[in-house]
Amino acid sequence: MATVKITQTGSPIRRTQDQRATLIGLGLNKMHKTVELTDTPEVRGMIRKVQHMVQVEG
């Protein structure tokens, strides 16, 4: 299956609680941390919600 690399580039400070929870759901909790997840519609939706705080590759 296809995968996507997601790197957290923005801080969750002064963000809404649902955006913070979305970052945690993606497995991101520290700046510049990178995770590799399966490319599914659910993951793409989560990325779209916090697109201003993450960088996506692949």
PDB file of N, CA and C in Angstrom:
ATOM      1  N   MET A   1       0.834  -1.189   0.000  1.00  0.00           N
ATOM      2  CA  MET A   1       0.000   0.000   0.000  1.00  0.00           C
ATOM      3  C   MET A   1       0.878   1.252   0.000  1.00  0.00           C
ATOM      4  N   ALA A   2       0.337   2.325  -0.516  1.00  0.00           N
ATOM      5  CA  ALA A   2       1.060   3.589  -0.553  1.00  0.00           C
ATOM      6  C   ALA A   2       1.150   4.180   0.848  1.00  0.00           C
ATOM      7  N   THR A   3       2.256   4.860   1.092  1.00  0.00           N
ATOM      8  CA  THR A   3       2.443   5.513   2.387  1.00  0.00           C
ATOM      9  C   THR A   3       2.704   6.990   2.163  1.00  0.00           C
ATOM     10  N   VAL A   4       2.569   7.740   3.230  1.00  0.00           N
ATOM     11  CA  VAL A   4       2.805   9.177   3.187  1.00  0.00           C
ATOM     12  C   VAL A   4       3.623   9.546   4.423  1.00  0.00           C
ATOM     13  N   LYS A   5       4.647  10.398   4.229  1.00  0.00           N
ATOM     14  CA  LYS A   5       5.467  10.871   5.340  1.00  0.00           C
ATOM     15  C   LYS A   5       4.946  12.232   5.763  1.00  0.00           C
ATOM     16  N   ILE A   6       4.737  12.380   7.056  1.00  0.00           N
ATOM     17  CA  ILE A   6       4.209  13.623   7.607  1.00  0.00           C
ATOM     18  C   ILE A   6       5.189  14.131   8.659  1.00  0.00           C
ATOM     19  N   THR A   7       5.588  15.388   8.538  1.00  0.00           N
ATOM     20  CA  THR A   7       6.494  16.013   9.488  1.00  0.00           C
ATOM     21  C   THR A   7       5.798  17.214  10.117  1.00  0.00           C
ATOM     22  N   GLN A   8       5.842  17.289  11.433  1.00  0.00           N
ATOM     23  CA  GLN A   8       5.236  18.426  12.128  1.00  0.00           C
ATOM     24  C   GLN A   8       6.173  19.622  12.025  1.00  0.00           C
ATOM     25  N   THR A   9       5.682  20.723  11.479  1.00  0.00           N
ATOM     26  CA  THR A   9       6.499  21.922  11.319  1.00  0.00           C
ATOM     27  C   THR A   9       5.966  23.100  12.125  1.00  0.00           C
ATOM     28  N   GLY A  10       4.758  22.989  12.663  1.00  0.00           N
ATOM     29  CA  GLY A  10       4.165  24.074  13.440  1.00  0.00           C
ATOM     30  C   GLY A  10       3.845  23.640  14.853  1.00  0.00           C
ATOM     31  N   SER A  11       3.831  24.604  15.738  1.00  0.00           N
ATOM     32  CA  SER A  11       3.552  24.322  17.139  1.00  0.00           C
ATOM     33  C   SER A  11       2.048  24.284  17.406  1.00  0.00           C
ATOM     34  N   PRO A  12       1.598  23.380  18.283  1.00  0.00           N
ATOM     35  CA  PRO A  12       0.181  23.343  18.645  1.00  0.00           C
ATOM     36  C   PRO A  12      -0.206  24.384  19.697  1.00  0.00           C
ATOM     37  N   ILE A  13       0.755  25.192  20.114  1.00  0.00           N
ATOM     38  CA  ILE A  13       0.454  26.237  21.093  1.00  0.00           C
ATOM     39  C   ILE A  13      -0.495  27.249  20.460  1.00  0.00           C
ATOM     40  N   ARG A  14      -1.510  27.645  21.207  1.00  0.00           N
ATOM     41  CA  ARG A  14      -2.533  28.604  20.768  1.00  0.00           C
ATOM     42  C   ARG A  14      -3.359  28.074  19.596  1.00  0.00           C
ATOM     43  N   ARG A  15      -3.490  26.759  19.497  1.00  0.00           N
ATOM     44  CA  ARG A  15      -4.359  26.140  18.502  1.00  0.00           C
ATOM     45  C   ARG A  15      -5.572  25.572  19.219  1.00  0.00           C
ATOM     46  N   THR A  16      -6.605  25.252  18.454  1.00  0.00           N
ATOM     47  CA  THR A  16      -7.808  24.703  19.075  1.00  0.00           C
ATOM     48  C   THR A  16      -7.544  23.278  19.553  1.00  0.00           C
ATOM     49  N   GLN A  17      -8.383  22.840  20.465  1.00  0.00           N
ATOM     50  CA  GLN A  17      -8.220  21.512  21.061  1.00  0.00           C
ATOM     51  C   GLN A  17      -8.365  20.407  20.014  1.00  0.00           C
ATOM     52  N   ASP A  18      -9.254  20.581  19.042  1.00  0.00           N
ATOM     53  CA  ASP A  18      -9.422  19.539  18.028  1.00  0.00           C
ATOM     54  C   ASP A  18      -8.213  19.447  17.107  1.00  0.00           C
ATOM     55  N   GLN A  19      -7.522  20.555  16.848  1.00  0.00           N
ATOM     56  CA  GLN A  19      -6.301  20.491  16.049  1.00  0.00           C
ATOM     57  C   GLN A  19      -5.190  19.792  16.818  1.00  0.00           C
ATOM     58  N   ARG A  20      -5.108  20.043  18.108  1.00  0.00           N
ATOM     59  CA  ARG A  20      -4.113  19.345  18.933  1.00  0.00           C
ATOM     60  C   ARG A  20      -4.389  17.845  18.950  1.00  0.00           C
ATOM     61  N   ALA A  21      -5.658  17.483  19.078  1.00  0.00           N
ATOM     62  CA  ALA A  21      -6.037  16.067  19.104  1.00  0.00           C
ATOM     63  C   ALA A  21      -5.753  15.408  17.761  1.00  0.00           C
ATOM     64  N   THR A  22      -5.919  16.139  16.666  1.00  0.00           N
ATOM     65  CA  THR A  22      -5.632  15.594  15.346  1.00  0.00           C
ATOM     66  C   THR A  22      -4.149  15.301  15.203  1.00  0.00           C
ATOM     67  N   LEU A  23      -3.293  16.196  15.683  1.00  0.00           N
ATOM     68  CA  LEU A  23      -1.850  15.941  15.635  1.00  0.00           C
ATOM     69  C   LEU A  23      -1.500  14.682  16.420  1.00  0.00           C
ATOM     70  N   ILE A  24      -2.083  14.522  17.582  1.00  0.00           N
ATOM     71  CA  ILE A  24      -1.825  13.334  18.395  1.00  0.00           C
ATOM     72  C   ILE A  24      -2.335  12.090  17.680  1.00  0.00           C
ATOM     73  N   GLY A  25      -3.490  12.206  17.031  1.00  0.00           N
ATOM     74  CA  GLY A  25      -4.039  11.094  16.273  1.00  0.00           C
ATOM     75  C   GLY A  25      -3.149  10.676  15.123  1.00  0.00           C
ATOM     76  N   LEU A  26      -2.430  11.635  14.549  1.00  0.00           N
ATOM     77  CA  LEU A  26      -1.479  11.320  13.484  1.00  0.00           C
ATOM     78  C   LEU A  26      -0.162  10.777  14.021  1.00  0.00           C
ATOM     79  N   GLY A  27       0.016  10.834  15.333  1.00  0.00           N
ATOM     80  CA  GLY A  27       1.253  10.335  15.942  1.00  0.00           C
ATOM     81  C   GLY A  27       2.320  11.399  16.073  1.00  0.00           C
ATOM     82  N   LEU A  28       1.914  12.654  15.987  1.00  0.00           N
ATOM     83  CA  LEU A  28       2.856  13.769  16.088  1.00  0.00           C
ATOM     84  C   LEU A  28       2.636  14.480  17.416  1.00  0.00           C
ATOM     85  N   ASN A  29       3.720  14.677  18.164  1.00  0.00           N
ATOM     86  CA  ASN A  29       3.587  15.385  19.433  1.00  0.00           C
ATOM     87  C   ASN A  29       4.764  16.299  19.718  1.00  0.00           C
ATOM     88  N   LYS A  30       5.754  16.337  18.811  1.00  0.00           N
ATOM     89  CA  LYS A  30       6.910  17.210  18.988  1.00  0.00           C
ATOM     90  C   LYS A  30       7.271  17.825  17.641  1.00  0.00           C
ATOM     91  N   MET A  31       7.836  19.003  17.695  1.00  0.00           N
ATOM     92  CA  MET A  31       8.256  19.687  16.482  1.00  0.00           C
ATOM     93  C   MET A  31       9.286  18.848  15.720  1.00  0.00           C
ATOM     94  N   HIS A  32       9.185  18.826  14.418  1.00  0.00           N
ATOM     95  CA  HIS A  32      10.104  18.154  13.492  1.00  0.00           C
ATOM     96  C   HIS A  32      10.087  16.641  13.607  1.00  0.00           C
ATOM     97  N   LYS A  33       9.080  16.082  14.255  1.00  0.00           N
ATOM     98  CA  LYS A  33       8.926  14.638  14.305  1.00  0.00           C
ATOM     99  C   LYS A  33       8.276  14.172  12.999  1.00  0.00           C
ATOM    100  N   THR A  34       8.734  13.052  12.476  1.00  0.00           N
ATOM    101  CA  THR A  34       8.214  12.519  11.221  1.00  0.00           C
ATOM    102  C   THR A  34       7.625  11.145  11.456  1.00  0.00           C
ATOM    103  N   VAL A  35       6.461  10.906  10.874  1.00  0.00           N
ATOM    104  CA  VAL A  35       5.827   9.593  10.926  1.00  0.00           C
ATOM    105  C   VAL A  35       5.474   9.179   9.500  1.00  0.00           C
ATOM    106  N   GLU A  36       5.397   7.878   9.288  1.00  0.00           N
ATOM    107  CA  GLU A  36       5.011   7.344   7.990  1.00  0.00           C
ATOM    108  C   GLU A  36       3.731   6.544   8.179  1.00  0.00           C
ATOM    109  N   LEU A  37       2.667   6.980   7.508  1.00  0.00           N
ATOM    110  CA  LEU A  37       1.356   6.360   7.660  1.00  0.00           C
ATOM    111  C   LEU A  37       0.850   5.882   6.314  1.00  0.00           C
ATOM    112  N   THR A  38      -0.076   4.931   6.352  1.00  0.00           N
ATOM    113  CA  THR A  38      -0.733   4.458   5.139  1.00  0.00           C
ATOM    114  C   THR A  38      -1.598   5.574   4.567  1.00  0.00           C
ATOM    115  N   ASP A  39      -1.542   5.729   3.264  1.00  0.00           N
ATOM    116  CA  ASP A  39      -2.283   6.799   2.592  1.00  0.00           C
ATOM    117  C   ASP A  39      -3.735   6.377   2.408  1.00  0.00           C
ATOM    118  N   THR A  40      -4.588   6.793   3.353  1.00  0.00           N
ATOM    119  CA  THR A  40      -6.018   6.482   3.300  1.00  0.00           C
ATOM    120  C   THR A  40      -6.806   7.790   3.302  1.00  0.00           C
ATOM    121  N   PRO A  41      -8.071   7.741   2.924  1.00  0.00           N
ATOM    122  CA  PRO A  41      -8.895   8.961   2.979  1.00  0.00           C
ATOM    123  C   PRO A  41      -8.996   9.547   4.387  1.00  0.00           C
ATOM    124  N   GLU A  42      -8.984   8.697   5.401  1.00  0.00           N
ATOM    125  CA  GLU A  42      -9.071   9.174   6.778  1.00  0.00           C
ATOM    126  C   GLU A  42      -7.830   9.974   7.156  1.00  0.00           C
ATOM    127  N   VAL A  43      -6.664   9.453   6.785  1.00  0.00           N
ATOM    128  CA  VAL A  43      -5.403  10.143   7.086  1.00  0.00           C
ATOM    129  C   VAL A  43      -5.333  11.446   6.294  1.00  0.00           C
ATOM    130  N   ARG A  44      -5.762  11.437   5.041  1.00  0.00           N
ATOM    131  CA  ARG A  44      -5.759  12.651   4.223  1.00  0.00           C
ATOM    132  C   ARG A  44      -6.663  13.724   4.819  1.00  0.00           C
ATOM    133  N   GLY A  45      -7.790  13.319   5.386  1.00  0.00           N
ATOM    134  CA  GLY A  45      -8.684  14.270   6.031  1.00  0.00           C
ATOM    135  C   GLY A  45      -8.053  14.894   7.264  1.00  0.00           C
ATOM    136  N   MET A  46      -7.334  14.078   8.028  1.00  0.00           N
ATOM    137  CA  MET A  46      -6.651  14.595   9.211  1.00  0.00           C
ATOM    138  C   MET A  46      -5.542  15.567   8.805  1.00  0.00           C
ATOM    139  N   ILE A  47      -4.827  15.227   7.735  1.00  0.00           N
ATOM    140  CA  ILE A  47      -3.769  16.112   7.245  1.00  0.00           C
ATOM    141  C   ILE A  47      -4.366  17.443   6.805  1.00  0.00           C
ATOM    142  N   ARG A  48      -5.492  17.399   6.110  1.00  0.00           N
ATOM    143  CA  ARG A  48      -6.132  18.622   5.635  1.00  0.00           C
ATOM    144  C   ARG A  48      -6.526  19.526   6.794  1.00  0.00           C
ATOM    145  N   LYS A  49      -6.912  18.928   7.913  1.00  0.00           N
ATOM    146  CA  LYS A  49      -7.353  19.714   9.066  1.00  0.00           C
ATOM    147  C   LYS A  49      -6.196  20.493   9.701  1.00  0.00           C
ATOM    148  N   VAL A  50      -4.991  19.943   9.639  1.00  0.00           N
ATOM    149  CA  VAL A  50      -3.826  20.601  10.256  1.00  0.00           C
ATOM    150  C   VAL A  50      -2.750  20.904   9.210  1.00  0.00           C
ATOM    151  N   GLN A  51      -3.156  21.175   7.981  1.00  0.00           N
ATOM    152  CA  GLN A  51      -2.212  21.364   6.883  1.00  0.00           C
ATOM    153  C   GLN A  51      -1.268  22.544   7.119  1.00  0.00           C
ATOM    154  N   HIS A  52      -1.657  23.489   7.955  1.00  0.00           N
ATOM    155  CA  HIS A  52      -0.816  24.643   8.245  1.00  0.00           C
ATOM    156  C   HIS A  52       0.276  24.318   9.270  1.00  0.00           C
ATOM    157  N   MET A  53       0.232  23.110   9.850  1.00  0.00           N
ATOM    158  CA  MET A  53       1.234  22.726  10.854  1.00  0.00           C
ATOM    159  C   MET A  53       2.069  21.524  10.453  1.00  0.00           C
ATOM    160  N   VAL A  54       1.839  20.970   9.257  1.00  0.00           N
ATOM    161  CA  VAL A  54       2.573  19.773   8.835  1.00  0.00           C
ATOM    162  C   VAL A  54       3.106  19.945   7.427  1.00  0.00           C
ATOM    163  N   GLN A  55       4.108  19.124   7.116  1.00  0.00           N
ATOM    164  CA  GLN A  55       4.654  19.044   5.772  1.00  0.00           C
ATOM    165  C   GLN A  55       4.488  17.608   5.313  1.00  0.00           C
ATOM    166  N   VAL A  56       3.968  17.411   4.107  1.00  0.00           N
ATOM    167  CA  VAL A  56       3.639  16.077   3.604  1.00  0.00           C
ATOM    168  C   VAL A  56       4.574  15.740   2.449  1.00  0.00           C
ATOM    169  N   GLU A  57       5.087  14.499   2.462  1.00  0.00           N
ATOM    170  CA  GLU A  57       5.926  13.990   1.371  1.00  0.00           C
ATOM    171  C   GLU A  57       5.323  12.676   0.897  1.00  0.00           C
ATOM    172  N   GLY A  58       5.260  12.539  -0.388  1.00  0.00           N
ATOM    173  CA  GLY A  58       4.815  11.281  -0.969  1.00  0.00           C
ATOM    174  C   GLY A  58       3.369  11.146  -0.962  1.00  0.00           C
TER     175      GLY A  58
END
